[in-house]
Protein backbone atom coordinates (compact mmCIF):
# COMPACT_ATOMS: atom_id res chain seq x y z
CA MET A 1 0.00 0.00 0.00
CA GLN A 2 1.21 3.49 -0.83
CA TYR A 3 0.69 6.40 1.60
CA ARG A 4 0.38 10.09 0.86
CA THR A 5 -0.05 13.27 2.86
CA LEU A 6 -3.65 14.49 2.97
CA GLY A 7 -3.30 17.99 1.54
CA ARG A 8 -1.31 20.12 3.98
CA THR A 9 -2.65 18.43 7.12
CA GLY A 10 0.38 16.21 7.74
CA VAL A 11 -1.93 13.18 8.07
CA GLN A 12 -0.69 10.11 6.19
CA VAL A 13 -3.44 8.25 4.32
CA SER A 14 -3.51 5.16 2.13
CA SER A 15 -3.77 5.62 -1.63
CA LEU A 16 -6.83 3.36 -1.59
CA ALA A 17 -9.54 4.30 0.90
CA LEU A 18 -12.58 2.26 1.91
CA GLY A 19 -15.91 3.81 0.94
CA ALA A 20 -18.85 2.44 2.95
CA MET A 21 -21.78 3.48 0.77
CA ASN A 22 -22.60 -0.17 0.04
CA PHE A 23 -22.84 -1.12 3.71
CA GLY A 24 -26.46 -1.93 4.49
CA ARG A 25 -29.51 -1.68 2.28
CA ILE A 26 -27.83 0.05 -0.68
CA GLY A 27 -25.42 -2.82 -1.29
CA ARG A 28 -27.42 -5.47 0.59
CA THR A 29 -24.37 -5.95 2.82
CA THR A 30 -24.91 -7.42 6.28
CA GLN A 31 -23.07 -6.35 9.43
CA ASP A 32 -20.94 -9.49 9.37
CA GLU A 33 -20.02 -8.84 5.73
CA ALA A 34 -19.24 -5.18 6.43
CA THR A 35 -17.03 -6.12 9.38
CA ALA A 36 -15.19 -8.70 7.25
CA ILE A 37 -14.58 -6.04 4.57
CA VAL A 38 -13.25 -3.59 7.17
CA ASP A 39 -11.03 -6.30 8.68
CA ALA A 40 -9.55 -7.22 5.29
CA ALA A 41 -9.05 -3.59 4.28
CA LEU A 42 -7.22 -2.70 7.49
CA GLU A 43 -5.11 -5.86 7.21
CA ALA A 44 -4.07 -4.72 3.71
CA GLY A 45 -2.98 -1.30 4.99
CA VAL A 46 -6.05 0.83 4.22
CA ASN A 47 -6.36 3.44 6.96
CA VAL A 48 -9.20 5.65 5.67
CA ILE A 49 -12.90 4.78 5.97
CA ASP A 50 -15.41 7.15 4.38
CA THR A 51 -19.16 7.10 4.90
CA ALA A 52 -22.06 9.59 5.01
CA ASP A 53 -25.18 10.22 7.05
CA MET A 54 -27.51 9.59 4.09
CA TYR A 55 -26.09 6.19 3.12
CA GLY A 56 -29.00 3.96 4.06
CA GLU A 57 -30.37 6.85 6.17
CA GLY A 58 -27.68 6.34 8.79
CA GLU A 59 -27.35 2.58 8.43
CA SER A 60 -23.87 2.74 6.91
CA GLU A 61 -22.56 4.88 9.77
CA GLU A 62 -23.99 2.44 12.32
CA MET A 63 -22.36 -0.52 10.58
CA VAL A 64 -19.01 1.27 10.29
CA GLY A 65 -19.18 2.13 13.99
CA LYS A 66 -19.68 -1.50 14.96
CA ALA A 67 -16.96 -2.68 12.56
CA ILE A 68 -14.29 -0.32 13.94
CA ALA A 69 -15.12 -0.70 17.63
CA GLY A 70 -11.93 -1.05 19.65
CA ARG A 71 -9.61 0.25 16.94
CA ARG A 72 -10.85 3.79 16.34
CA ASP A 73 -7.46 5.44 16.80
CA ASP A 74 -5.91 3.47 13.92
CA ILE A 75 -8.39 4.85 11.39
CA VAL A 76 -8.84 8.18 9.63
CA LEU A 77 -12.62 8.29 9.90
CA ALA A 78 -14.59 10.47 7.47
CA THR A 79 -18.27 11.13 7.07
CA LYS A 80 -20.47 13.64 5.27
CA ALA A 81 -23.64 15.69 5.74
CA GLY A 82 -25.84 17.93 3.63
CA MET A 83 -27.98 15.59 1.56
CA PRO A 84 -31.65 15.22 2.60
CA MET A 85 -32.31 13.10 5.67
CA GLY A 86 -36.06 12.64 5.37
CA ASP A 87 -38.82 14.97 4.20
CA GLU A 88 -38.38 17.75 6.77
CA ARG A 89 -37.18 20.78 4.82
CA ASN A 90 -34.50 21.77 7.33
CA HIS A 91 -33.01 18.28 7.65
CA ARG A 92 -30.56 18.94 4.83
CA GLY A 93 -28.16 21.57 3.54
CA SER A 94 -25.20 23.22 5.24
CA SER A 95 -26.74 25.67 7.70
CA ARG A 96 -25.31 25.91 11.21
CA ARG A 97 -28.63 24.66 12.58
CA TRP A 98 -28.48 21.42 10.60
CA LEU A 99 -24.74 20.70 10.72
CA VAL A 100 -24.57 20.97 14.52
CA THR A 101 -27.59 18.71 14.89
CA GLU A 102 -26.56 16.16 12.29
CA LEU A 103 -22.96 15.84 13.44
CA GLU A 104 -24.23 14.78 16.86
CA ALA A 105 -26.41 12.17 15.16
CA SER A 106 -23.47 10.90 13.10
CA LEU A 107 -21.24 10.65 16.17
CA ARG A 108 -23.95 8.68 17.96
CA ARG A 109 -24.41 6.29 15.03
CA LEU A 110 -20.64 5.82 14.64
CA GLY A 111 -20.16 5.36 18.37
CA VAL A 112 -17.27 7.87 18.54
CA ASP A 113 -16.63 11.26 20.10
CA HIS A 114 -15.13 12.84 16.98
CA VAL A 115 -14.56 12.29 13.27
CA ASP A 116 -11.29 13.07 11.55
CA LEU A 117 -12.85 14.53 8.40
CA TYR A 118 -16.33 16.03 8.14
CA GLN A 119 -17.38 16.81 4.57
CA ILE A 120 -20.18 18.88 3.07
CA HIS A 121 -21.74 16.36 0.70
CA ARG A 122 -22.81 18.87 -1.95
CA TRP A 123 -22.57 22.62 -2.35
CA ASP A 124 -25.70 24.23 -0.88
CA PRO A 125 -26.65 27.30 -2.96
CA ASN A 126 -29.09 28.42 -0.24
CA THR A 127 -26.42 28.84 2.44
CA GLY A 128 -23.59 31.35 2.51
CA ASP A 129 -19.99 30.22 2.90
CA GLU A 130 -19.51 32.21 6.11
CA GLU A 131 -22.49 30.46 7.74
CA THR A 132 -21.16 26.99 6.91
CA LEU A 133 -17.49 27.67 7.59
CA SER A 134 -18.17 29.36 10.94
CA ALA A 135 -20.24 26.37 12.08
CA LEU A 136 -17.55 23.92 10.97
CA THR A 137 -14.82 26.02 12.63
CA ASP A 138 -16.73 25.99 15.93
CA LEU A 139 -17.23 22.22 15.70
CA GLN A 140 -13.51 21.85 15.05
CA ARG A 141 -12.60 24.02 18.03
CA ALA A 142 -14.98 21.96 20.17
CA GLY A 143 -12.95 18.85 19.25
CA LYS A 144 -15.80 17.07 17.48
CA ILE A 145 -14.10 17.17 14.09
CA ARG A 146 -10.40 17.38 13.30
CA TYR A 147 -10.67 18.70 9.72
CA PHE A 148 -13.40 19.47 7.26
CA GLY A 149 -13.76 19.31 3.51
CA SER A 150 -16.10 19.63 0.55
CA SER A 151 -17.51 16.98 -1.75
CA THR A 152 -18.33 17.38 -5.43
CA PHE A 153 -18.11 21.18 -5.36
CA PRO A 154 -17.80 23.07 -8.66
CA ALA A 155 -14.33 24.56 -9.04
CA HIS A 156 -15.50 28.15 -8.60
CA ARG A 157 -17.20 27.25 -5.30
CA ILE A 158 -13.98 25.67 -4.02
CA VAL A 159 -12.19 28.94 -4.76
CA GLN A 160 -14.96 31.06 -3.22
CA ALA A 161 -14.92 29.02 -0.01
CA GLN A 162 -11.14 29.45 0.30
CA TRP A 163 -11.50 33.19 -0.05
CA ALA A 164 -14.42 33.30 2.41
CA ALA A 165 -12.35 31.46 5.01
CA ARG A 166 -9.52 33.95 4.57
CA GLU A 167 -11.79 37.00 4.63
CA HIS A 168 -13.64 35.96 7.79
CA ARG A 169 -10.61 34.39 9.53
CA LEU A 170 -12.19 30.95 9.69
CA SER A 171 -10.77 27.48 9.20
CA ARG A 172 -10.89 26.30 5.61
CA TYR A 173 -11.81 23.21 3.67
CA VAL A 174 -8.69 21.05 3.48
CA THR A 175 -10.06 18.34 1.17
CA GLU A 176 -12.34 17.89 -1.82
CA GLN A 177 -14.07 14.64 -2.82
CA PRO A 178 -14.94 14.66 -6.56
CA SER A 179 -16.00 11.92 -8.97
CA TYR A 180 -13.10 10.82 -11.19
CA SER A 181 -12.37 7.89 -13.48
CA VAL A 182 -10.84 7.07 -16.84
CA LEU A 183 -14.31 7.61 -18.36
CA GLN A 184 -15.07 10.85 -16.48
CA ARG A 185 -12.02 13.10 -16.66
CA GLY A 186 -13.65 16.52 -16.59
CA ILE A 187 -12.19 17.47 -13.21
CA GLU A 188 -8.73 17.48 -14.79
CA ALA A 189 -9.74 20.67 -16.58
CA HIS A 190 -11.11 22.66 -13.65
CA VAL A 191 -11.33 21.03 -10.19
CA LEU A 192 -7.88 19.44 -9.90
CA PRO A 193 -5.97 22.59 -10.94
CA VAL A 194 -7.83 24.46 -8.19
CA THR A 195 -7.26 21.84 -5.49
CA GLN A 196 -3.59 21.72 -6.38
CA GLU A 197 -3.35 25.52 -6.23
CA TYR A 198 -4.86 25.59 -2.72
CA GLY A 199 -3.14 22.47 -1.43
CA LEU A 200 -6.28 20.43 -0.84
CA GLY A 201 -6.22 16.68 -0.35
CA VAL A 202 -8.38 14.90 -2.94
CA LEU A 203 -10.31 11.69 -2.25
CA VAL A 204 -11.90 10.63 -5.53
CA TRP A 205 -15.07 8.56 -5.67
CA SER A 206 -16.40 6.21 -8.36
CA PRO A 207 -12.95 5.41 -9.82
CA LEU A 208 -14.50 2.30 -11.40
CA ALA A 209 -17.24 4.42 -13.00
CA SER A 210 -20.15 2.68 -11.26
CA GLY A 211 -18.88 -0.69 -12.44
CA TRP A 212 -18.11 0.17 -16.07
CA LEU A 213 -14.41 -0.42 -15.29
CA SER A 214 -14.85 -3.47 -13.07
CA GLY A 215 -14.36 -5.96 -15.91
CA ALA A 216 -17.97 -7.16 -15.62
CA ILE A 217 -19.25 -4.97 -18.45
CA ARG A 218 -18.00 -6.03 -21.87
CA ALA A 219 -19.35 -6.01 -25.43
CA GLY A 220 -21.60 -8.96 -26.23
CA ARG A 221 -22.47 -9.65 -22.59
CA ASP A 222 -25.67 -8.91 -20.72
CA ILE A 223 -25.12 -6.20 -18.12
CA THR A 224 -26.18 -7.69 -14.79
CA THR A 225 -24.22 -5.68 -12.23
CA HIS A 226 -25.77 -4.55 -8.96
CA ARG A 227 -25.59 -0.90 -9.98
CA SER A 228 -27.23 -1.55 -13.36
CA ALA A 229 -30.27 -2.97 -11.58
CA ILE A 230 -30.58 0.21 -9.51
CA LEU A 231 -29.86 2.71 -12.33
CA PRO A 232 -30.70 0.91 -15.59
CA GLN A 233 -30.66 4.11 -17.66
CA ARG A 234 -26.94 4.53 -16.97
CA PHE A 235 -26.23 1.18 -18.59
CA ASP A 236 -28.61 1.32 -21.55
CA THR A 237 -26.28 0.63 -24.48
CA THR A 238 -28.76 2.03 -26.99
CA THR A 239 -27.82 5.57 -25.90
CA PRO A 240 -24.87 7.35 -27.58
CA ALA A 241 -23.07 8.06 -24.28
CA ASN A 242 -23.22 4.44 -23.16
CA ARG A 243 -22.16 3.15 -26.57
CA ALA A 244 -19.14 5.46 -26.33
CA ARG A 245 -18.37 4.14 -22.86
CA LEU A 246 -18.63 0.54 -23.96
CA ALA A 247 -16.33 1.17 -26.92
CA ALA A 248 -13.81 2.85 -24.61
CA VAL A 249 -14.00 -0.03 -22.13
CA GLU A 250 -13.19 -2.53 -24.88
CA ARG A 251 -10.11 -0.56 -25.92
CA LEU A 252 -9.04 -0.04 -22.30
CA ALA A 253 -9.36 -3.78 -21.64
CA GLY A 254 -6.91 -4.35 -24.49
CA VAL A 255 -4.44 -1.88 -22.98
CA ALA A 256 -4.75 -3.59 -19.60
CA GLU A 257 -4.22 -7.04 -21.06
CA GLU A 258 -1.15 -5.94 -22.96
CA ALA A 259 0.27 -4.42 -19.77
CA GLY A 260 -0.43 -7.59 -17.77
CA LEU A 261 -3.03 -5.88 -15.60
CA THR A 262 -6.68 -6.35 -14.78
CA LEU A 263 -9.06 -3.61 -15.88
CA ILE A 264 -9.55 -2.73 -12.21
CA GLN A 265 -5.81 -2.29 -11.74
CA LEU A 266 -5.67 -0.08 -14.82
CA ALA A 267 -8.59 2.04 -13.64
CA LEU A 268 -7.36 2.53 -10.07
CA GLY A 269 -3.75 2.96 -11.16
CA PHE A 270 -4.89 5.70 -13.53
CA VAL A 271 -6.67 7.87 -10.95
CA THR A 272 -3.96 7.48 -8.30
CA ALA A 273 -1.30 8.43 -10.86
CA HIS A 274 -2.56 12.03 -11.03
CA PRO A 275 -0.40 14.25 -8.79
CA GLY A 276 -3.51 16.07 -7.59
CA VAL A 277 -5.17 12.90 -6.26
CA THR A 278 -4.46 11.70 -2.73
CA SER A 279 -6.63 8.57 -2.49
CA ALA A 280 -9.17 6.62 -4.53
CA LEU A 281 -12.30 5.50 -2.69
CA ILE A 282 -13.22 1.90 -3.39
CA GLY A 283 -16.72 0.72 -2.44
CA PRO A 284 -16.82 -3.08 -2.42
CA ARG A 285 -19.99 -5.03 -1.60
CA THR A 286 -18.12 -8.24 -0.84
CA VAL A 287 -14.71 -9.33 0.41
CA ASP A 288 -14.00 -10.79 -3.04
CA HIS A 289 -14.71 -7.40 -4.62
CA LEU A 290 -12.38 -5.82 -2.07
CA HIS A 291 -9.49 -8.17 -2.84
CA ALA A 292 -9.87 -7.55 -6.59
CA GLN A 293 -9.55 -3.82 -5.92
CA LEU A 294 -6.75 -4.09 -3.36
CA ALA A 295 -4.70 -5.79 -6.07
CA ALA A 296 -4.22 -2.28 -7.47
CA ALA A 297 -2.68 -0.94 -4.24
CA ASP A 298 0.85 -0.91 -5.63
CA THR A 299 0.00 -0.52 -9.32
CA VAL A 300 2.14 2.09 -11.06
CA LEU A 301 1.26 2.69 -14.70
CA SER A 302 4.03 3.32 -17.20
CA THR A 303 4.12 6.40 -19.36
CA ASP A 304 3.25 4.27 -22.40
CA VAL A 305 0.12 2.95 -20.70
CA LEU A 306 -0.97 6.42 -19.56
CA ASP A 307 -0.42 7.73 -23.11
CA ALA A 308 -2.55 4.89 -24.49
CA ILE A 309 -5.36 5.82 -22.07
CA ASP A 310 -5.15 9.45 -23.25
CA GLU A 311 -5.63 8.24 -26.82
CA ILE A 312 -8.85 6.46 -25.82
CA VAL A 313 -10.37 9.12 -23.55
CA ALA A 314 -9.04 12.63 -24.05
CA PRO A 315 -7.72 14.44 -20.96
CA GLY A 316 -10.33 16.68 -19.33
CA SER A 317 -13.28 15.04 -21.11
CA ASP A 318 -16.37 13.26 -19.76
CA LEU A 319 -17.89 10.45 -21.80
CA ALA A 320 -21.17 10.85 -19.90
CA PRO A 321 -21.52 14.60 -19.31
CA ASP A 322 -25.14 14.22 -18.19
CA GLU A 323 -23.92 12.30 -15.14
CA LYS A 324 -21.67 15.05 -13.84
CA HIS A 325 -22.36 15.95 -10.22
CA ASP A 326 -20.66 19.34 -10.00
CA THR A 327 -22.52 21.13 -12.79
CA PRO A 328 -23.48 24.71 -11.79
CA PRO A 329 -27.23 24.86 -11.04
CA ALA A 330 -27.87 27.46 -13.77
CA LEU A 331 -26.92 24.91 -16.42
CA LEU A 332 -29.55 22.51 -15.13
CA ASP A 333 -32.41 24.89 -14.27
CA PRO A 334 -33.44 27.28 -17.10
CA SER A 335 -35.08 29.68 -14.64
CA LEU A 336 -31.66 30.46 -13.16
CA ARG A 337 -30.23 31.71 -16.45
CA ARG A 338 -33.14 33.81 -17.69
CA ARG A 339 -34.44 37.16 -16.56
């Protein structure tokens, strides 16, 4: 396992981090299975576990808490808040009122007295940066969080938050958690240059592109992955974007084979090769899935292999632009761009 410094914090983190979104109802993973995954990950040298309050409406946090009991101090524990937790209109977002309340709930579910990294799950256009940063700074000073970060923020919002922290003399976001894979490279053009400029640690999610890069999706085969059953439209090969993805996967599989690698090793080795990326979040549903992904822990891609990937998917491009999660709201809602 490789280790890197998380931004400018001085904290050493593994280049592969364990994402716990699939713990519980989302991945149909039992507590025993989740504990076995955590055991195997820690044994392999993974020292970061990332979850969120909304994963299974708190179920993932509860399962992580039980799995890490007795070894909390060996783990860089991260969770997130901001996505809706039920129908109540104020049980979401990044207001002081909600963050203070929801952090206490997360700590209770995790069975800990603090988290190492508390992340705002999505940019909240209804809440000012000063409001959010002042709440997070107070929670940090109270010892309930060690650091805080953003997740899937547009590049301009990352910059604005850094300036707001400086202007109001508040602590700042020290990490960003964007989506990044061989098939979705848009952050290379805007987010990663910004995070590198400000010295943020970067924990990338979906490095296997929701299973497209797992090796299970190939031309001529029925697509029967767990994720395809949940989001069938993202795997409908009659659409242009998905046909382009499938064609790219076939070419990437050839590059991997020629290099003596699995497609998973190629995919994870690609994202961790970028100097702006600290760790790649892997989200296995089973111990077998975990071992297949841990096989990439020490993968270092040669220049020839990285050049071949660039020929298949151009740097800074997204093969499925409709699935981007950091698109400015005005591009999605016509009312926000018309007088």
